[in-house]
C-alpha atoms as a PDB file:
ATOM      1  CA  MET A   1      25.731  65.510 111.358  1.00  0.00           C
ATOM      2  CA  LEU A   2      27.400  68.418 113.946  1.00  0.00           C
ATOM      3  CA  VAL A   3      25.185  67.990 116.682  1.00  0.00           C
ATOM      4  CA  ALA A   4      25.711  63.900 116.422  1.00  0.00           C
ATOM      5  CA  VAL A   5      28.890  64.813 116.660  1.00  0.00           C
ATOM      6  CA  ALA A   6      28.449  66.919 119.517  1.00  0.00           C
ATOM      7  CA  ALA A   7      25.910  64.704 121.302  1.00  0.00           C
ATOM      8  CA  ILE A   8      28.587  61.782 121.120  1.00  0.00           C
ATOM      9  CA  TRP A   9      31.490  64.122 122.932  1.00  0.00           C
ATOM     10  CA  GLU A  10      29.388  65.443 125.359  1.00  0.00           C
ATOM     11  CA  GLY A  11      27.700  62.507 126.467  1.00  0.00           C
ATOM     12  CA  GLY A  12      30.804  60.883 126.374  1.00  0.00           C
ATOM     13  CA  LYS A  13      32.781  63.345 128.577  1.00  0.00           C
ATOM     14  CA  ALA A  14      30.049  62.954 130.337  1.00  0.00           C
ATOM     15  CA  LEU A  15      29.973  58.795 130.908  1.00  0.00           C
ATOM     16  CA  PHE A  16      33.300  58.605 131.358  1.00  0.00           C
ATOM     17  CA  ALA A  17      34.089  61.692 133.123  1.00  0.00           C
ATOM     18  CA  ILE A  18      37.113  62.270 131.037  1.00  0.00           C
ATOM     19  CA  PRO A  19      38.821  65.809 132.668  1.00  0.00           C
ATOM     20  CA  ARG A  20      38.693  69.115 131.073  1.00  0.00           C
ATOM     21  CA  TYR A  21      42.419  69.148 130.626  1.00  0.00           C
ATOM     22  CA  LYS A  22      42.057  65.749 128.473  1.00  0.00           C
ATOM     23  CA  LEU A  23      38.944  66.789 126.649  1.00  0.00           C
ATOM     24  CA  PRO A  24      37.576  70.127 126.998  1.00  0.00           C
ATOM     25  CA  HIS A  25      33.926  71.448 126.584  1.00  0.00           C
ATOM     26  CA  LEU A  26      32.812  72.229 122.890  1.00  0.00           C
ATOM     27  CA  TYR A  27      32.146  75.610 123.985  1.00  0.00           C
ATOM     28  CA  GLU A  28      35.588  76.047 125.611  1.00  0.00           C
ATOM     29  CA  ILE A  29      37.595  75.539 122.114  1.00  0.00           C
ATOM     30  CA  LEU A  30      34.908  77.752 120.437  1.00  0.00           C
ATOM     31  CA  ALA A  31      35.779  80.103 122.808  1.00  0.00           C
ATOM     32  CA  ASP A  32      39.517  79.639 122.390  1.00  0.00           C
ATOM     33  CA  PHE A  33      39.241  81.183 118.628  1.00  0.00           C
ATOM     34  CA  PHE A  34      38.325  84.759 119.969  1.00  0.00           C
ATOM     35  CA  ARG A  35      41.330  84.926 122.173  1.00  0.00           C
ATOM     36  CA  GLN A  36      44.047  87.057 120.968  1.00  0.00           C
ATOM     37  CA  GLY A  37      47.313  85.503 120.061  1.00  0.00           C
ATOM     38  CA  ALA A  38      50.753  86.255 121.222  1.00  0.00           C
ATOM     39  CA  GLY A  39      50.739  89.573 118.085  1.00  0.00           C
ATOM     40  CA  GLY A  40      46.793  90.516 119.462  1.00  0.00           C
ATOM     41  CA  GLU A  41      45.165  88.567 116.417  1.00  0.00           C
ATOM     42  CA  ARG A  42      42.495  87.002 117.407  1.00  0.00           C
ATOM     43  CA  TRP A  43      43.488  82.447 116.654  1.00  0.00           C
ATOM     44  CA  PHE A  44      40.521  82.120 113.843  1.00  0.00           C
ATOM     45  CA  THR A  45      42.748  84.609 112.123  1.00  0.00           C
ATOM     46  CA  ILE A  46      45.784  83.027 112.522  1.00  0.00           C
ATOM     47  CA  MET A  47      44.019  79.372 111.848  1.00  0.00           C
ATOM     48  CA  ALA A  48      42.532  80.828 108.635  1.00  0.00           C
ATOM     49  CA  GLN A  49      46.002  82.049 107.696  1.00  0.00           C
ATOM     50  CA  ASN A  50      47.689  79.124 107.982  1.00  0.00           C
ATOM     51  CA  ALA A  51      44.994  76.700 106.627  1.00  0.00           C
ATOM     52  CA  GLY A  52      45.479  78.830 103.295  1.00  0.00           C
ATOM     53  CA  VAL A  53      49.439  78.668 102.951  1.00  0.00           C
ATOM     54  CA  THR A  54      48.445  74.890 104.052  1.00  0.00           C
ATOM     55  CA  ALA A  55      45.704  75.454 100.816  1.00  0.00           C
ATOM     56  CA  LEU A  56      48.190  76.549  98.303  1.00  0.00           C
ATOM     57  CA  GLU A  57      51.477  74.785  99.278  1.00  0.00           C
ATOM     58  CA  SER A  58      49.167  71.346  98.362  1.00  0.00           C
ATOM     59  CA  GLY A  59      48.433  72.503  95.006  1.00  0.00           C
ATOM     60  CA  THR A  60      51.940  71.606  94.057  1.00  0.00           C
ATOM     61  CA  ALA A  61      51.293  67.934  95.531  1.00  0.00           C
ATOM     62  CA  PRO A  62      49.428  66.952  92.684  1.00  0.00           C
ATOM     63  CA  ALA A  63      52.895  67.878  89.980  1.00  0.00           C
ATOM     64  CA  GLY A  64      54.927  66.024  92.429  1.00  0.00           C
ATOM     65  CA  ALA A  65      53.106  62.682  93.442  1.00  0.00           C
ATOM     66  CA  PRO A  66      53.724  61.242  89.839  1.00  0.00           C
ATOM     67  CA  ALA A  67      57.683  62.028  89.674  1.00  0.00           C
ATOM     68  CA  GLY A  68      58.362  60.354  93.331  1.00  0.00           C
ATOM     69  CA  SER A  69      55.976  57.731  92.363  1.00  0.00           C
ATOM     70  CA  GLY A  70      57.958  57.209  88.870  1.00  0.00           C
ATOM     71  CA  SER A  71      61.137  57.756  90.556  1.00  0.00           C
ATOM     72  CA  GLY A  72      60.623  54.222  92.497  1.00  0.00           C
ATOM     73  CA  ARG A  73      59.686  52.270  89.904  1.00  0.00           C
ATOM     74  CA  GLY A  74      63.076  51.740  88.864  1.00  0.00           C
ATOM     75  CA  GLY A  75      63.954  49.463  91.493  1.00  0.00           C
ATOM     76  CA  GLN A  76      63.130  45.609  92.430  1.00  0.00           C
ATOM     77  CA  ARG A  77      62.620  44.742  96.369  1.00  0.00           C
ATOM     78  CA  LEU A  78      64.502  41.771  97.452  1.00  0.00           C
ATOM     79  CA  PRO A  79      63.410  39.257 100.458  1.00  0.00           C
ATOM     80  CA  SER A  80      65.691  41.191 102.544  1.00  0.00           C
ATOM     81  CA  GLY A  81      64.091  44.426 101.995  1.00  0.00           C
ATOM     82  CA  SER A  82      67.184  46.241 100.136  1.00  0.00           C
ATOM     83  CA  TRP A  83      66.719  47.615  96.379  1.00  0.00           C
ATOM     84  CA  THR A  84      68.381  46.469  93.245  1.00  0.00           C
ATOM     85  CA  PRO A  85      68.270  48.184  89.531  1.00  0.00           C
ATOM     86  CA  THR A  86      65.838  46.014  87.236  1.00  0.00           C
END
């Protein structure tokens, strides 16, 4: 699957002559993950930490979804687009 995506990516880039600043080569993208960020950490470390925080915060979504959807059921949409209590 990854090989197919890479072939489509690079093939499309060559076929349509897309410049590097719009669609970089895959090896350029991968190389950027090993560059140092402003604080001296590698980008893959920074991205992994950000992904971890996102995963932890998204764990609260299942609890909030029923409350949010339940509060939206207390009204009825009028043809004008406004809401009225039922």
